[in-house]
Amino acid sequence: MTDLIARAVGVSRRYGDVVALDQVDLDIPRGQLVGLLGPNGAGKSTLINLFVGLRRPDDGRVEIRGADPMTPATRRILGVTPQETGLPLSLRVGETANLVSAHFVNPVPPDELFARFGLTGLEGRQCGALSGGQRRRLAVALAFAGRPEIVFLDEPTTGLDVDARHQLWDGIRAFHGEGGTVVLTSHYLEEVEALAERVVVIDHGRVIRDGSTAEIRDVAGMRRVSVAAADLPELPGVVSTDRDDAGRVHLMTTDADQLVRTLVASGVPFRGLEVRSTSLEDAFLALTTDDHRSLA
């Protein structure tokens, strides 16, 4: 049997009349790097809060290594960076790392932690004097301070520039390469595509897709057809249409061959025809567009 480190079984969570999660089942094997995708309000952060013991489900159960995530023993094997973090602004970076590390039996030495996440040289600076990006890097680094078995990262690279984002990716990959389990959410779909081996798409509180990155990219046999044209006739199998600033029209379709045949037969002038497989972003938009959730 697969060695599961985290599990949600029939989990529901409501906030008043709002259903944040609706009968969610999710198994996370040890050593996997999972990307959680979904529109704003889909339930991603709520699910993470249940897994790390910040909330309890209204129905169902959540387990970390077979135990309640709210127990102190279980929390010692967890690492988490929520969407918003509050650092002690008057403490120095090194002091903050020492404070967090003191809660664990065998923490990562701060200098090793700082080197992995690009914070070397900031040890003596007060947290309140850090830039927004530096605070975010510190918040992510602290999730790994206690040598956790599983880490939950909610929008870990928000506000970071490209170089800082890639440095954080390297730190996450290093932890995963050593056998660690990672669950992350991100609005940067290229981030999930670059890191995750498995993608779980959540919408309206339910898991609507779960598979490898390649499987999600190829959802429903979708293809992206792009042309430069002033106007286009009605074309078969079009799921979504987008026109970029250069005047190119990008069509998501379930039948690229038929679409191209119809386009050619229409006699409408076009140029620069391109047909390609979907990106993760294409698939995500197709899955979560209001008129096309039936694809799931």
C-alpha atoms as a PDB file:
ATOM      1  CA  MET A   1       0.000   0.000   0.000  1.00  0.00           C
ATOM      2  CA  THR A   2       1.184   3.531  -0.772  1.00  0.00           C
ATOM      3  CA  ASP A   3       2.765   5.210   2.263  1.00  0.00           C
ATOM      4  CA  LEU A   4       0.366   8.104   2.909  1.00  0.00           C
ATOM      5  CA  ILE A   5       1.575  11.048   4.954  1.00  0.00           C
ATOM      6  CA  ALA A   6      -1.595  13.144   4.682  1.00  0.00           C
ATOM      7  CA  ARG A   7      -5.237  12.312   4.025  1.00  0.00           C
ATOM      8  CA  ALA A   8      -8.566  14.107   3.827  1.00  0.00           C
ATOM      9  CA  VAL A   9     -11.667  11.889   3.912  1.00  0.00           C
ATOM     10  CA  GLY A  10     -15.105  13.342   3.142  1.00  0.00           C
ATOM     11  CA  VAL A  11     -14.013  16.746   4.397  1.00  0.00           C
ATOM     12  CA  SER A  12     -16.469  19.654   4.441  1.00  0.00           C
ATOM     13  CA  ARG A  13     -16.020  23.089   5.948  1.00  0.00           C
ATOM     14  CA  ARG A  14     -18.561  25.900   6.085  1.00  0.00           C
ATOM     15  CA  TYR A  15     -18.336  29.545   7.094  1.00  0.00           C
ATOM     16  CA  GLY A  16     -21.925  30.506   7.803  1.00  0.00           C
ATOM     17  CA  ASP A  17     -23.821  29.973   4.563  1.00  0.00           C
ATOM     18  CA  VAL A  18     -20.628  29.670   2.525  1.00  0.00           C
ATOM     19  CA  VAL A  19     -19.467  26.133   1.734  1.00  0.00           C
ATOM     20  CA  ALA A  20     -15.666  26.378   1.494  1.00  0.00           C
ATOM     21  CA  LEU A  21     -15.082  22.627   1.089  1.00  0.00           C
ATOM     22  CA  ASP A  22     -17.627  20.052   0.012  1.00  0.00           C
ATOM     23  CA  GLN A  23     -16.895  16.352   0.645  1.00  0.00           C
ATOM     24  CA  VAL A  24     -13.220  16.504  -0.357  1.00  0.00           C
ATOM     25  CA  ASP A  25     -11.208  13.284  -0.523  1.00  0.00           C
ATOM     26  CA  LEU A  26      -7.456  13.648  -0.997  1.00  0.00           C
ATOM     27  CA  ASP A  27      -4.554  11.262  -0.347  1.00  0.00           C
ATOM     28  CA  ILE A  28      -0.983  12.582  -0.337  1.00  0.00           C
ATOM     29  CA  PRO A  29       1.767   9.937  -0.516  1.00  0.00           C
ATOM     30  CA  ARG A  30       5.031  10.518   1.292  1.00  0.00           C
ATOM     31  CA  GLY A  31       7.651  12.239  -0.857  1.00  0.00           C
ATOM     32  CA  GLN A  32       5.252  13.786  -3.378  1.00  0.00           C
ATOM     33  CA  LEU A  33       5.262  17.427  -4.510  1.00  0.00           C
ATOM     34  CA  VAL A  34       1.638  18.447  -5.038  1.00  0.00           C
ATOM     35  CA  GLY A  35       0.344  21.667  -6.580  1.00  0.00           C
ATOM     36  CA  LEU A  36      -3.124  22.834  -5.499  1.00  0.00           C
ATOM     37  CA  LEU A  37      -4.800  24.997  -8.140  1.00  0.00           C
ATOM     38  CA  GLY A  38      -8.111  26.800  -8.087  1.00  0.00           C
ATOM     39  CA  PRO A  39      -9.704  30.229  -8.506  1.00  0.00           C
ATOM     40  CA  ASN A  40      -9.862  32.662  -5.597  1.00  0.00           C
ATOM     41  CA  GLY A  41     -12.275  31.298  -3.018  1.00  0.00           C
ATOM     42  CA  ALA A  42     -12.078  27.743  -4.358  1.00  0.00           C
ATOM     43  CA  GLY A  43     -11.120  26.310  -0.941  1.00  0.00           C
ATOM     44  CA  LYS A  44      -7.344  25.843  -1.269  1.00  0.00           C
ATOM     45  CA  SER A  45      -6.331  27.825   1.801  1.00  0.00           C
ATOM     46  CA  THR A  46      -9.135  26.296   3.852  1.00  0.00           C
ATOM     47  CA  LEU A  47      -7.878  22.814   2.975  1.00  0.00           C
ATOM     48  CA  ILE A  48      -4.337  23.745   4.001  1.00  0.00           C
ATOM     49  CA  ASN A  49      -5.629  25.195   7.283  1.00  0.00           C
ATOM     50  CA  LEU A  50      -7.328  21.875   8.021  1.00  0.00           C
ATOM     51  CA  PHE A  51      -4.198  19.876   7.210  1.00  0.00           C
ATOM     52  CA  VAL A  52      -2.011  21.962   9.530  1.00  0.00           C
ATOM     53  CA  GLY A  53      -4.547  22.000  12.365  1.00  0.00           C
ATOM     54  CA  LEU A  54      -5.567  25.667  12.265  1.00  0.00           C
ATOM     55  CA  ARG A  55      -9.197  24.693  11.657  1.00  0.00           C
ATOM     56  CA  ARG A  56     -11.330  21.609  12.171  1.00  0.00           C
ATOM     57  CA  PRO A  57     -13.587  20.182   9.458  1.00  0.00           C
ATOM     58  CA  ASP A  58     -17.329  20.340   9.995  1.00  0.00           C
ATOM     59  CA  ASP A  59     -17.626  16.864   8.476  1.00  0.00           C
ATOM     60  CA  GLY A  60     -15.097  14.161   7.627  1.00  0.00           C
ATOM     61  CA  ARG A  61     -11.581  13.872   8.954  1.00  0.00           C
ATOM     62  CA  VAL A  62      -8.053  15.054   8.222  1.00  0.00           C
ATOM     63  CA  GLU A  63      -4.966  13.057   9.149  1.00  0.00           C
ATOM     64  CA  ILE A  64      -1.239  13.643   9.133  1.00  0.00           C
ATOM     65  CA  ARG A  65       0.639  10.353   9.345  1.00  0.00           C
ATOM     66  CA  GLY A  66      -2.602   8.805  10.604  1.00  0.00           C
ATOM     67  CA  ALA A  67      -3.031  11.262  13.478  1.00  0.00           C
ATOM     68  CA  ASP A  68      -4.934  14.444  14.302  1.00  0.00           C
ATOM     69  CA  PRO A  69      -2.956  17.440  12.963  1.00  0.00           C
ATOM     70  CA  MET A  70      -3.890  19.427  16.079  1.00  0.00           C
ATOM     71  CA  THR A  71      -1.805  17.256  18.402  1.00  0.00           C
ATOM     72  CA  PRO A  72       1.605  18.677  19.410  1.00  0.00           C
ATOM     73  CA  ALA A  73       3.456  15.552  18.253  1.00  0.00           C
ATOM     74  CA  THR A  74       1.937  15.827  14.783  1.00  0.00           C
ATOM     75  CA  ARG A  75       2.619  19.537  14.493  1.00  0.00           C
ATOM     76  CA  ARG A  76       6.324  18.888  15.026  1.00  0.00           C
ATOM     77  CA  ILE A  77       6.532  17.104  11.658  1.00  0.00           C
ATOM     78  CA  LEU A  78       4.703  19.912   9.840  1.00  0.00           C
ATOM     79  CA  GLY A  79       5.993  23.058   8.224  1.00  0.00           C
ATOM     80  CA  VAL A  80       3.708  25.797   6.931  1.00  0.00           C
ATOM     81  CA  THR A  81       3.842  29.204   5.295  1.00  0.00           C
ATOM     82  CA  PRO A  82       0.350  30.707   5.145  1.00  0.00           C
ATOM     83  CA  GLN A  83      -0.649  33.376   2.639  1.00  0.00           C
ATOM     84  CA  GLU A  84      -0.108  36.089   5.217  1.00  0.00           C
ATOM     85  CA  THR A  85       2.471  35.871   7.965  1.00  0.00           C
ATOM     86  CA  GLY A  86       3.279  38.095  10.913  1.00  0.00           C
ATOM     87  CA  LEU A  87       6.972  38.276  11.795  1.00  0.00           C
ATOM     88  CA  PRO A  88       8.208  39.864  15.057  1.00  0.00           C
ATOM     89  CA  LEU A  89       9.276  43.180  13.540  1.00  0.00           C
ATOM     90  CA  SER A  90      11.629  44.200  16.348  1.00  0.00           C
ATOM     91  CA  LEU A  91      13.569  40.915  16.335  1.00  0.00           C
ATOM     92  CA  ARG A  92      16.530  40.390  14.049  1.00  0.00           C
ATOM     93  CA  VAL A  93      16.391  37.741  11.355  1.00  0.00           C
ATOM     94  CA  GLY A  94      18.849  35.492  13.179  1.00  0.00           C
ATOM     95  CA  GLU A  95      16.947  35.868  16.448  1.00  0.00           C
ATOM     96  CA  THR A  96      13.694  34.975  14.715  1.00  0.00           C
ATOM     97  CA  ALA A  97      15.218  31.820  13.262  1.00  0.00           C
ATOM     98  CA  ASN A  98      16.588  30.859  16.692  1.00  0.00           C
ATOM     99  CA  LEU A  99      13.160  31.445  18.270  1.00  0.00           C
ATOM    100  CA  VAL A 100      11.454  29.128  15.770  1.00  0.00           C
ATOM    101  CA  SER A 101      14.233  26.529  15.928  1.00  0.00           C
ATOM    102  CA  ALA A 102      13.934  26.323  19.727  1.00  0.00           C
ATOM    103  CA  HIS A 103      10.602  24.514  19.290  1.00  0.00           C
ATOM    104  CA  PHE A 104      12.259  21.519  17.611  1.00  0.00           C
ATOM    105  CA  VAL A 105      14.589  18.760  18.779  1.00  0.00           C
ATOM    106  CA  ASN A 106      16.886  18.763  15.748  1.00  0.00           C
ATOM    107  CA  PRO A 107      16.418  22.004  13.792  1.00  0.00           C
ATOM    108  CA  VAL A 108      18.284  22.990  10.656  1.00  0.00           C
ATOM    109  CA  PRO A 109      21.211  25.282  11.596  1.00  0.00           C
ATOM    110  CA  PRO A 110      20.193  28.874  10.747  1.00  0.00           C
ATOM    111  CA  ASP A 111      23.202  29.489   8.499  1.00  0.00           C
ATOM    112  CA  GLU A 112      22.297  26.404   6.444  1.00  0.00           C
ATOM    113  CA  LEU A 113      18.667  27.515   6.274  1.00  0.00           C
ATOM    114  CA  PHE A 114      19.614  31.034   5.216  1.00  0.00           C
ATOM    115  CA  ALA A 115      21.984  29.779   2.524  1.00  0.00           C
ATOM    116  CA  ARG A 116      19.304  27.523   1.056  1.00  0.00           C
ATOM    117  CA  PHE A 117      16.767  30.329   0.779  1.00  0.00           C
ATOM    118  CA  GLY A 118      18.980  33.284  -0.162  1.00  0.00           C
ATOM    119  CA  LEU A 119      18.973  35.034   3.213  1.00  0.00           C
ATOM    120  CA  THR A 120      22.688  34.945   4.021  1.00  0.00           C
ATOM    121  CA  GLY A 121      23.871  38.383   5.142  1.00  0.00           C
ATOM    122  CA  LEU A 122      20.507  39.433   6.568  1.00  0.00           C
ATOM    123  CA  GLU A 123      20.949  37.754   9.951  1.00  0.00           C
ATOM    124  CA  GLY A 124      21.563  41.023  11.826  1.00  0.00           C
ATOM    125  CA  ARG A 125      18.759  43.000  10.228  1.00  0.00           C
ATOM    126  CA  GLN A 126      15.493  43.596  12.058  1.00  0.00           C
ATOM    127  CA  CYS A 127      12.521  41.867  10.453  1.00  0.00           C
ATOM    128  CA  GLY A 128      10.734  45.214  10.318  1.00  0.00           C
ATOM    129  CA  ALA A 129      13.523  46.590   8.106  1.00  0.00           C
ATOM    130  CA  LEU A 130      13.234  43.824   5.499  1.00  0.00           C
ATOM    131  CA  SER A 131      11.614  44.386   2.138  1.00  0.00           C
ATOM    132  CA  GLY A 132       8.348  42.601   1.415  1.00  0.00           C
ATOM    133  CA  GLY A 133      10.161  40.024  -0.701  1.00  0.00           C
ATOM    134  CA  GLN A 134      12.780  39.398   1.996  1.00  0.00           C
ATOM    135  CA  ARG A 135      10.061  38.882   4.606  1.00  0.00           C
ATOM    136  CA  ARG A 136       8.357  36.402   2.327  1.00  0.00           C
ATOM    137  CA  ARG A 137      11.587  34.456   1.811  1.00  0.00           C
ATOM    138  CA  LEU A 138      12.133  34.363   5.573  1.00  0.00           C
ATOM    139  CA  ALA A 139       8.563  33.153   6.169  1.00  0.00           C
ATOM    140  CA  VAL A 140       9.094  30.313   3.690  1.00  0.00           C
ATOM    141  CA  ALA A 141      12.506  29.411   5.109  1.00  0.00           C
ATOM    142  CA  LEU A 142      11.086  29.148   8.635  1.00  0.00           C
ATOM    143  CA  ALA A 143       8.643  26.466   7.431  1.00  0.00           C
ATOM    144  CA  PHE A 144      11.670  24.199   6.922  1.00  0.00           C
ATOM    145  CA  ALA A 145      13.460  25.059  10.187  1.00  0.00           C
ATOM    146  CA  GLY A 146      12.308  21.993  12.141  1.00  0.00           C
ATOM    147  CA  ARG A 147      13.230  19.388   9.496  1.00  0.00           C
ATOM    148  CA  PRO A 148       9.543  18.670   8.767  1.00  0.00           C
ATOM    149  CA  GLU A 149       8.328  15.612   6.947  1.00  0.00           C
ATOM    150  CA  ILE A 150       5.669  17.597   5.078  1.00  0.00           C
ATOM    151  CA  VAL A 151       5.477  21.298   4.250  1.00  0.00           C
ATOM    152  CA  PHE A 152       2.410  23.297   3.201  1.00  0.00           C
ATOM    153  CA  LEU A 153       3.166  26.492   1.262  1.00  0.00           C
ATOM    154  CA  ASP A 154       0.263  28.839   0.481  1.00  0.00           C
ATOM    155  CA  GLU A 155       1.316  31.233  -2.305  1.00  0.00           C
ATOM    156  CA  PRO A 156       4.989  31.011  -1.257  1.00  0.00           C
ATOM    157  CA  THR A 157       6.477  33.356  -3.888  1.00  0.00           C
ATOM    158  CA  THR A 158       3.905  36.167  -3.895  1.00  0.00           C
ATOM    159  CA  GLY A 159       5.707  39.491  -4.242  1.00  0.00           C
ATOM    160  CA  LEU A 160       9.074  38.028  -5.231  1.00  0.00           C
ATOM    161  CA  ASP A 161      11.060  39.001  -8.290  1.00  0.00           C
ATOM    162  CA  VAL A 162      12.081  36.355 -10.816  1.00  0.00           C
ATOM    163  CA  ASP A 163      15.530  35.667  -9.328  1.00  0.00           C
ATOM    164  CA  ALA A 164      14.197  35.353  -5.774  1.00  0.00           C
ATOM    165  CA  ARG A 165      11.389  33.106  -6.974  1.00  0.00           C
ATOM    166  CA  HIS A 166      13.820  30.743  -8.687  1.00  0.00           C
ATOM    167  CA  GLN A 167      16.037  30.675  -5.603  1.00  0.00           C
ATOM    168  CA  LEU A 168      13.035  29.666  -3.522  1.00  0.00           C
ATOM    169  CA  TRP A 169      12.200  26.993  -6.094  1.00  0.00           C
ATOM    170  CA  ASP A 170      15.708  25.582  -5.640  1.00  0.00           C
ATOM    171  CA  GLY A 171      15.192  25.394  -1.875  1.00  0.00           C
ATOM    172  CA  ILE A 172      11.859  23.619  -2.287  1.00  0.00           C
ATOM    173  CA  ARG A 173      13.344  21.199  -4.824  1.00  0.00           C
ATOM    174  CA  ALA A 174      16.246  20.428  -2.481  1.00  0.00           C
ATOM    175  CA  PHE A 175      13.844  19.534   0.346  1.00  0.00           C
ATOM    176  CA  HIS A 176      11.764  17.391  -2.007  1.00  0.00           C
ATOM    177  CA  GLY A 177      14.903  15.745  -3.383  1.00  0.00           C
ATOM    178  CA  GLU A 178      15.778  14.639   0.146  1.00  0.00           C
ATOM    179  CA  GLY A 179      12.410  12.850   0.428  1.00  0.00           C
ATOM    180  CA  GLY A 180      10.292  15.653   1.850  1.00  0.00           C
ATOM    181  CA  THR A 181       6.621  16.078   0.946  1.00  0.00           C
ATOM    182  CA  VAL A 182       5.402  19.461  -0.313  1.00  0.00           C
ATOM    183  CA  VAL A 183       1.903  20.799  -0.914  1.00  0.00           C
ATOM    184  CA  LEU A 184       1.813  24.260  -2.455  1.00  0.00           C
ATOM    185  CA  THR A 185      -0.682  26.683  -3.921  1.00  0.00           C
ATOM    186  CA  SER A 186       0.279  29.369  -6.390  1.00  0.00           C
ATOM    187  CA  HIS A 187      -1.306  31.852  -8.756  1.00  0.00           C
ATOM    188  CA  TYR A 188       1.842  31.529 -10.866  1.00  0.00           C
ATOM    189  CA  LEU A 189       0.865  28.517 -12.937  1.00  0.00           C
ATOM    190  CA  GLU A 190       4.346  28.273 -14.426  1.00  0.00           C
ATOM    191  CA  GLU A 191       5.542  27.768 -10.840  1.00  0.00           C
ATOM    192  CA  VAL A 192       3.284  24.756 -10.349  1.00  0.00           C
ATOM    193  CA  GLU A 193       4.274  23.461 -13.785  1.00  0.00           C
ATOM    194  CA  ALA A 194       7.967  23.817 -12.901  1.00  0.00           C
ATOM    195  CA  LEU A 195       7.751  22.200  -9.451  1.00  0.00           C
ATOM    196  CA  ALA A 196       4.800  19.858  -9.070  1.00  0.00           C
ATOM    197  CA  GLU A 197       4.664  16.221 -10.146  1.00  0.00           C
ATOM    198  CA  ARG A 198       0.962  16.077  -9.322  1.00  0.00           C
ATOM    199  CA  VAL A 199      -1.720  18.744  -9.728  1.00  0.00           C
ATOM    200  CA  VAL A 200      -5.036  18.887  -7.871  1.00  0.00           C
ATOM    201  CA  VAL A 201      -7.599  21.374  -9.202  1.00  0.00           C
ATOM    202  CA  ILE A 202     -10.188  22.611  -6.712  1.00  0.00           C
ATOM    203  CA  ASP A 203     -13.242  24.659  -7.649  1.00  0.00           C
ATOM    204  CA  HIS A 204     -16.296  25.578  -5.571  1.00  0.00           C
ATOM    205  CA  GLY A 205     -14.927  23.504  -2.709  1.00  0.00           C
ATOM    206  CA  ARG A 206     -14.584  20.280  -4.695  1.00  0.00           C
ATOM    207  CA  VAL A 207     -11.717  18.437  -6.335  1.00  0.00           C
ATOM    208  CA  ILE A 208     -12.532  18.553 -10.041  1.00  0.00           C
ATOM    209  CA  ARG A 209      -9.244  17.162 -11.421  1.00  0.00           C
ATOM    210  CA  ASP A 210      -6.357  15.193  -9.963  1.00  0.00           C
ATOM    211  CA  GLY A 211      -3.443  13.870 -11.986  1.00  0.00           C
ATOM    212  CA  SER A 212       0.092  14.388 -13.167  1.00  0.00           C
ATOM    213  CA  THR A 213       1.025  17.753 -14.626  1.00  0.00           C
ATOM    214  CA  ALA A 214       0.989  16.220 -18.110  1.00  0.00           C
ATOM    215  CA  GLU A 215      -2.457  14.696 -17.546  1.00  0.00           C
ATOM    216  CA  ILE A 216      -3.916  18.021 -16.429  1.00  0.00           C
ATOM    217  CA  ARG A 217      -2.302  19.817 -19.371  1.00  0.00           C
ATOM    218  CA  ASP A 218      -3.977  17.397 -21.766  1.00  0.00           C
ATOM    219  CA  VAL A 219      -7.371  17.643 -20.081  1.00  0.00           C
ATOM    220  CA  ALA A 220     -10.249  16.659 -22.379  1.00  0.00           C
ATOM    221  CA  GLY A 221      -7.896  16.509 -25.378  1.00  0.00           C
ATOM    222  CA  MET A 222      -7.746  20.306 -25.493  1.00  0.00           C
ATOM    223  CA  ARG A 223      -5.528  22.071 -28.030  1.00  0.00           C
ATOM    224  CA  ARG A 224      -4.671  25.710 -28.515  1.00  0.00           C
ATOM    225  CA  VAL A 225      -5.139  27.083 -32.057  1.00  0.00           C
ATOM    226  CA  SER A 226      -3.672  30.522 -32.722  1.00  0.00           C
ATOM    227  CA  VAL A 227      -4.095  32.697 -35.812  1.00  0.00           C
ATOM    228  CA  ALA A 228      -3.717  36.322 -36.829  1.00  0.00           C
ATOM    229  CA  ALA A 229      -7.103  37.437 -38.182  1.00  0.00           C
ATOM    230  CA  ALA A 230      -9.368  40.462 -37.998  1.00  0.00           C
ATOM    231  CA  ASP A 231     -12.582  38.482 -37.648  1.00  0.00           C
ATOM    232  CA  LEU A 232     -13.387  34.813 -37.337  1.00  0.00           C
ATOM    233  CA  PRO A 233     -16.557  32.867 -38.133  1.00  0.00           C
ATOM    234  CA  GLU A 234     -18.265  30.601 -35.618  1.00  0.00           C
ATOM    235  CA  LEU A 235     -15.959  27.616 -35.209  1.00  0.00           C
ATOM    236  CA  PRO A 236     -16.682  24.127 -33.798  1.00  0.00           C
ATOM    237  CA  GLY A 237     -15.525  22.931 -30.388  1.00  0.00           C
ATOM    238  CA  VAL A 238     -14.253  26.311 -29.148  1.00  0.00           C
ATOM    239  CA  VAL A 239     -14.071  26.357 -25.354  1.00  0.00           C
ATOM    240  CA  SER A 240     -12.545  29.801 -24.897  1.00  0.00           C
ATOM    241  CA  THR A 241     -11.223  32.656 -27.040  1.00  0.00           C
ATOM    242  CA  ASP A 242      -8.588  35.242 -26.259  1.00  0.00           C
ATOM    243  CA  ARG A 243      -7.126  38.020 -28.438  1.00  0.00           C
ATOM    244  CA  ASP A 244      -3.687  39.348 -27.471  1.00  0.00           C
ATOM    245  CA  ASP A 245      -2.237  42.826 -27.994  1.00  0.00           C
ATOM    246  CA  ALA A 246      -0.550  41.723 -31.222  1.00  0.00           C
ATOM    247  CA  GLY A 247      -3.905  40.878 -32.779  1.00  0.00           C
ATOM    248  CA  ARG A 248      -3.497  37.115 -32.587  1.00  0.00           C
ATOM    249  CA  VAL A 249      -6.543  35.091 -31.598  1.00  0.00           C
ATOM    250  CA  HIS A 250      -6.002  32.074 -29.339  1.00  0.00           C
ATOM    251  CA  LEU A 251      -8.735  29.435 -29.409  1.00  0.00           C
ATOM    252  CA  MET A 252      -9.015  26.578 -26.944  1.00  0.00           C
ATOM    253  CA  THR A 253     -10.738  23.694 -28.686  1.00  0.00           C
ATOM    254  CA  THR A 254     -11.615  20.049 -28.219  1.00  0.00           C
ATOM    255  CA  ASP A 255     -11.198  19.345 -31.965  1.00  0.00           C
ATOM    256  CA  ALA A 256      -8.333  21.263 -33.540  1.00  0.00           C
ATOM    257  CA  ASP A 257      -8.517  19.376 -36.857  1.00  0.00           C
ATOM    258  CA  GLN A 258     -12.184  20.188 -37.426  1.00  0.00           C
ATOM    259  CA  LEU A 259     -11.677  23.776 -36.356  1.00  0.00           C
ATOM    260  CA  VAL A 260      -8.862  24.289 -38.881  1.00  0.00           C
ATOM    261  CA  ARG A 261     -10.870  22.635 -41.667  1.00  0.00           C
ATOM    262  CA  THR A 262     -13.853  24.883 -40.940  1.00  0.00           C
ATOM    263  CA  LEU A 263     -11.621  27.951 -40.789  1.00  0.00           C
ATOM    264  CA  VAL A 264     -10.027  27.188 -44.169  1.00  0.00           C
ATOM    265  CA  ALA A 265     -13.407  26.417 -45.771  1.00  0.00           C
ATOM    266  CA  SER A 266     -14.859  29.703 -44.498  1.00  0.00           C
ATOM    267  CA  GLY A 267     -12.613  31.746 -46.763  1.00  0.00           C
ATOM    268  CA  VAL A 268     -11.831  34.222 -43.969  1.00  0.00           C
ATOM    269  CA  PRO A 269      -8.287  35.584 -44.422  1.00  0.00           C
ATOM    270  CA  PHE A 270      -5.838  34.581 -41.684  1.00  0.00           C
ATOM    271  CA  ARG A 271      -2.133  33.948 -41.263  1.00  0.00           C
ATOM    272  CA  GLY A 272       0.323  32.477 -38.780  1.00  0.00           C
ATOM    273  CA  LEU A 273      -1.681  29.359 -37.956  1.00  0.00           C
ATOM    274  CA  GLU A 274      -0.277  27.503 -34.956  1.00  0.00           C
ATOM    275  CA  VAL A 275      -1.648  24.422 -33.207  1.00  0.00           C
ATOM    276  CA  ARG A 276      -0.088  23.232 -29.978  1.00  0.00           C
ATOM    277  CA  SER A 277      -0.756  21.279 -26.830  1.00  0.00           C
ATOM    278  CA  THR A 278      -2.213  23.136 -23.897  1.00  0.00           C
ATOM    279  CA  SER A 279      -0.130  24.664 -21.155  1.00  0.00           C
ATOM    280  CA  LEU A 280      -1.119  24.135 -17.540  1.00  0.00           C
ATOM    281  CA  GLU A 281      -2.601  27.642 -17.606  1.00  0.00           C
ATOM    282  CA  ASP A 282      -4.715  26.801 -20.668  1.00  0.00           C
ATOM    283  CA  ALA A 283      -6.047  23.660 -19.006  1.00  0.00           C
ATOM    284  CA  PHE A 284      -6.722  25.468 -15.737  1.00  0.00           C
ATOM    285  CA  LEU A 285      -8.683  28.223 -17.445  1.00  0.00           C
ATOM    286  CA  ALA A 286     -10.679  25.686 -19.432  1.00  0.00           C
ATOM    287  CA  LEU A 287     -11.521  23.694 -16.307  1.00  0.00           C
ATOM    288  CA  THR A 288     -12.557  26.662 -14.204  1.00  0.00           C
ATOM    289  CA  THR A 289     -14.397  28.767 -16.788  1.00  0.00           C
ATOM    290  CA  ASP A 290     -18.037  28.989 -15.705  1.00  0.00           C
ATOM    291  CA  ASP A 291     -19.429  27.562 -18.947  1.00  0.00           C
ATOM    292  CA  HIS A 292     -17.022  24.643 -19.129  1.00  0.00           C
ATOM    293  CA  ARG A 293     -16.875  23.052 -15.679  1.00  0.00           C
ATOM    294  CA  SER A 294     -18.724  20.104 -17.167  1.00  0.00           C
ATOM    295  CA  LEU A 295     -15.366  19.046 -18.628  1.00  0.00           C
ATOM    296  CA  ALA A 296     -14.421  17.884 -15.164  1.00  0.00           C
END
